[in-house]
C-alpha atoms as a PDB file:
ATOM      1  CA  UNK A   1       0.000   0.000   0.000  1.00  0.00           C
ATOM      2  CA  UNK A   2       1.389   3.343  -0.969  1.00  0.00           C
ATOM      3  CA  UNK A   3      -0.300   5.756   1.427  1.00  0.00           C
ATOM      4  CA  UNK A   4      -0.776   5.414   5.196  1.00  0.00           C
ATOM      5  CA  UNK A   5      -4.188   7.075   4.878  1.00  0.00           C
ATOM      6  CA  UNK A   6      -5.281   4.226   2.584  1.00  0.00           C
ATOM      7  CA  UNK A   7      -4.482   1.711   5.334  1.00  0.00           C
ATOM      8  CA  UNK A   8      -6.367   3.372   8.223  1.00  0.00           C
ATOM      9  CA  UNK A   9      -9.925   3.930   6.982  1.00  0.00           C
ATOM     10  CA  UNK A  10     -11.718   5.189  10.106  1.00  0.00           C
ATOM     11  CA  UNK A  11     -11.779   4.814  13.888  1.00  0.00           C
ATOM     12  CA  UNK A  12     -14.410   2.562  15.425  1.00  0.00           C
ATOM     13  CA  UNK A  13     -16.236   4.575  18.087  1.00  0.00           C
ATOM     14  CA  UNK A  14     -18.462   2.456  20.325  1.00  0.00           C
ATOM     15  CA  UNK A  15     -18.993   2.212  24.065  1.00  0.00           C
ATOM     16  CA  UNK A  16     -16.733  -0.780  24.292  1.00  0.00           C
ATOM     17  CA  UNK A  17     -13.916   0.764  22.250  1.00  0.00           C
ATOM     18  CA  UNK A  18     -14.062   4.037  24.181  1.00  0.00           C
ATOM     19  CA  UNK A  19     -13.720   2.178  27.507  1.00  0.00           C
ATOM     20  CA  UNK A  20     -10.527   0.594  26.179  1.00  0.00           C
ATOM     21  CA  UNK A  21      -8.921   3.986  25.532  1.00  0.00           C
ATOM     22  CA  UNK A  22      -8.138   4.189  29.246  1.00  0.00           C
ATOM     23  CA  UNK A  23      -5.669   1.327  28.760  1.00  0.00           C
ATOM     24  CA  UNK A  24      -4.300   2.884  25.535  1.00  0.00           C
ATOM     25  CA  UNK A  25      -6.088   0.426  23.248  1.00  0.00           C
ATOM     26  CA  UNK A  26      -7.695   1.870  20.106  1.00  0.00           C
ATOM     27  CA  UNK A  27      -9.862   0.296  17.408  1.00  0.00           C
ATOM     28  CA  UNK A  28      -9.731   1.138  13.692  1.00  0.00           C
ATOM     29  CA  UNK A  29     -11.286  -0.095  10.474  1.00  0.00           C
ATOM     30  CA  UNK A  30      -8.387  -0.877   8.162  1.00  0.00           C
ATOM     31  CA  UNK A  31      -7.873  -1.945   4.563  1.00  0.00           C
ATOM     32  CA  UNK A  32      -8.621  -5.661   4.114  1.00  0.00           C
ATOM     33  CA  UNK A  33      -5.234  -6.250   2.463  1.00  0.00           C
ATOM     34  CA  UNK A  34      -3.199  -4.494   5.188  1.00  0.00           C
ATOM     35  CA  UNK A  35      -0.897  -6.549   7.397  1.00  0.00           C
ATOM     36  CA  UNK A  36      -0.103  -5.976  11.065  1.00  0.00           C
ATOM     37  CA  UNK A  37       3.258  -4.342  10.338  1.00  0.00           C
ATOM     38  CA  UNK A  38       1.676  -1.953   7.817  1.00  0.00           C
ATOM     39  CA  UNK A  39      -1.045  -1.041  10.319  1.00  0.00           C
ATOM     40  CA  UNK A  40       1.551  -0.447  13.050  1.00  0.00           C
ATOM     41  CA  UNK A  41       3.641   1.817  10.810  1.00  0.00           C
ATOM     42  CA  UNK A  42       0.562   3.735   9.619  1.00  0.00           C
ATOM     43  CA  UNK A  43      -0.703   4.450  13.165  1.00  0.00           C
ATOM     44  CA  UNK A  44       2.774   5.529  14.285  1.00  0.00           C
ATOM     45  CA  UNK A  45       3.132   7.905  11.322  1.00  0.00           C
ATOM     46  CA  UNK A  46      -0.358   9.408  11.443  1.00  0.00           C
ATOM     47  CA  UNK A  47      -0.670   9.928  15.210  1.00  0.00           C
ATOM     48  CA  UNK A  48       2.985  10.106  16.306  1.00  0.00           C
ATOM     49  CA  UNK A  49       2.719   7.340  18.928  1.00  0.00           C
ATOM     50  CA  UNK A  50       4.530   4.069  19.670  1.00  0.00           C
ATOM     51  CA  UNK A  51       2.576   0.865  19.034  1.00  0.00           C
ATOM     52  CA  UNK A  52       3.239  -2.202  21.178  1.00  0.00           C
ATOM     53  CA  UNK A  53       0.845  -4.719  19.625  1.00  0.00           C
ATOM     54  CA  UNK A  54      -1.703  -5.046  16.807  1.00  0.00           C
ATOM     55  CA  UNK A  55      -4.519  -7.607  16.669  1.00  0.00           C
ATOM     56  CA  UNK A  56      -6.710  -7.924  13.579  1.00  0.00           C
ATOM     57  CA  UNK A  57     -10.001  -9.592  12.762  1.00  0.00           C
ATOM     58  CA  UNK A  58     -11.758 -10.083   9.427  1.00  0.00           C
ATOM     59  CA  UNK A  59     -15.521  -9.708   9.110  1.00  0.00           C
ATOM     60  CA  UNK A  60     -17.401 -11.353   6.261  1.00  0.00           C
ATOM     61  CA  UNK A  61     -20.248  -9.408   4.713  1.00  0.00           C
ATOM     62  CA  UNK A  62     -23.671 -10.660   5.668  1.00  0.00           C
ATOM     63  CA  UNK A  63     -26.262 -11.728   3.111  1.00  0.00           C
ATOM     64  CA  UNK A  64     -28.895  -9.076   2.607  1.00  0.00           C
ATOM     65  CA  UNK A  65     -32.095  -8.905   0.575  1.00  0.00           C
ATOM     66  CA  UNK A  66     -32.370  -6.120  -1.959  1.00  0.00           C
ATOM     67  CA  UNK A  67     -35.893  -6.809  -3.114  1.00  0.00           C
ATOM     68  CA  UNK A  68     -38.089  -9.723  -4.073  1.00  0.00           C
ATOM     69  CA  UNK A  69     -35.504 -11.992  -5.677  1.00  0.00           C
ATOM     70  CA  UNK A  70     -32.279  -9.974  -5.638  1.00  0.00           C
ATOM     71  CA  UNK A  71     -29.825 -11.318  -3.104  1.00  0.00           C
ATOM     72  CA  UNK A  72     -26.964  -9.085  -2.097  1.00  0.00           C
ATOM     73  CA  UNK A  73     -24.159  -8.812   0.420  1.00  0.00           C
ATOM     74  CA  UNK A  74     -22.828  -6.193   2.769  1.00  0.00           C
ATOM     75  CA  UNK A  75     -19.156  -5.427   2.343  1.00  0.00           C
ATOM     76  CA  UNK A  76     -16.477  -7.490   4.054  1.00  0.00           C
ATOM     77  CA  UNK A  77     -14.105  -5.484   6.234  1.00  0.00           C
ATOM     78  CA  UNK A  78     -11.187  -5.715   8.626  1.00  0.00           C
ATOM     79  CA  UNK A  79     -10.828  -4.344  12.162  1.00  0.00           C
ATOM     80  CA  UNK A  80      -7.573  -3.705  14.038  1.00  0.00           C
ATOM     81  CA  UNK A  81      -7.047  -3.395  17.791  1.00  0.00           C
ATOM     82  CA  UNK A  82      -3.950  -1.248  18.401  1.00  0.00           C
ATOM     83  CA  UNK A  83      -2.249  -1.354  21.828  1.00  0.00           C
ATOM     84  CA  UNK A  84       0.144   1.535  22.547  1.00  0.00           C
ATOM     85  CA  UNK A  85       3.234   1.269  24.750  1.00  0.00           C
ATOM     86  CA  UNK A  86       3.034   2.515  28.353  1.00  0.00           C
ATOM     87  CA  UNK A  87       5.419   5.432  27.725  1.00  0.00           C
ATOM     88  CA  UNK A  88       3.594   6.525  24.558  1.00  0.00           C
ATOM     89  CA  UNK A  89       1.291   9.528  24.495  1.00  0.00           C
ATOM     90  CA  UNK A  90      -2.436   9.047  23.890  1.00  0.00           C
ATOM     91  CA  UNK A  91      -4.152   9.730  20.586  1.00  0.00           C
ATOM     92  CA  UNK A  92      -5.704  13.188  20.808  1.00  0.00           C
ATOM     93  CA  UNK A  93      -8.464  12.327  18.346  1.00  0.00           C
ATOM     94  CA  UNK A  94     -10.185  10.189  20.999  1.00  0.00           C
ATOM     95  CA  UNK A  95      -9.712  12.598  23.937  1.00  0.00           C
ATOM     96  CA  UNK A  96     -12.900  14.688  23.582  1.00  0.00           C
ATOM     97  CA  UNK A  97     -15.153  11.690  22.961  1.00  0.00           C
ATOM     98  CA  UNK A  98     -14.937   9.936  26.328  1.00  0.00           C
END
């Protein structure tokens, strides 16, 4: 992937993910082809933090009806849990949302 902004698509903001920000764990939707090392480098470059660990999970798109006989699917996507090091600063983007 050429651009770090193509790897990190958007932050996932839910009750559960916002509770984890207290332990410096953040959740992002990432490109389905991105690897853990690419995700780590992208988060470090975009936010200026140090990443300790990255966990990823793939979600398959669910089947969805689009009318009487037109089956369809929601998109498949990938989620990354990013754990920062203890001496790293927090990500300011999430600060006002807690």
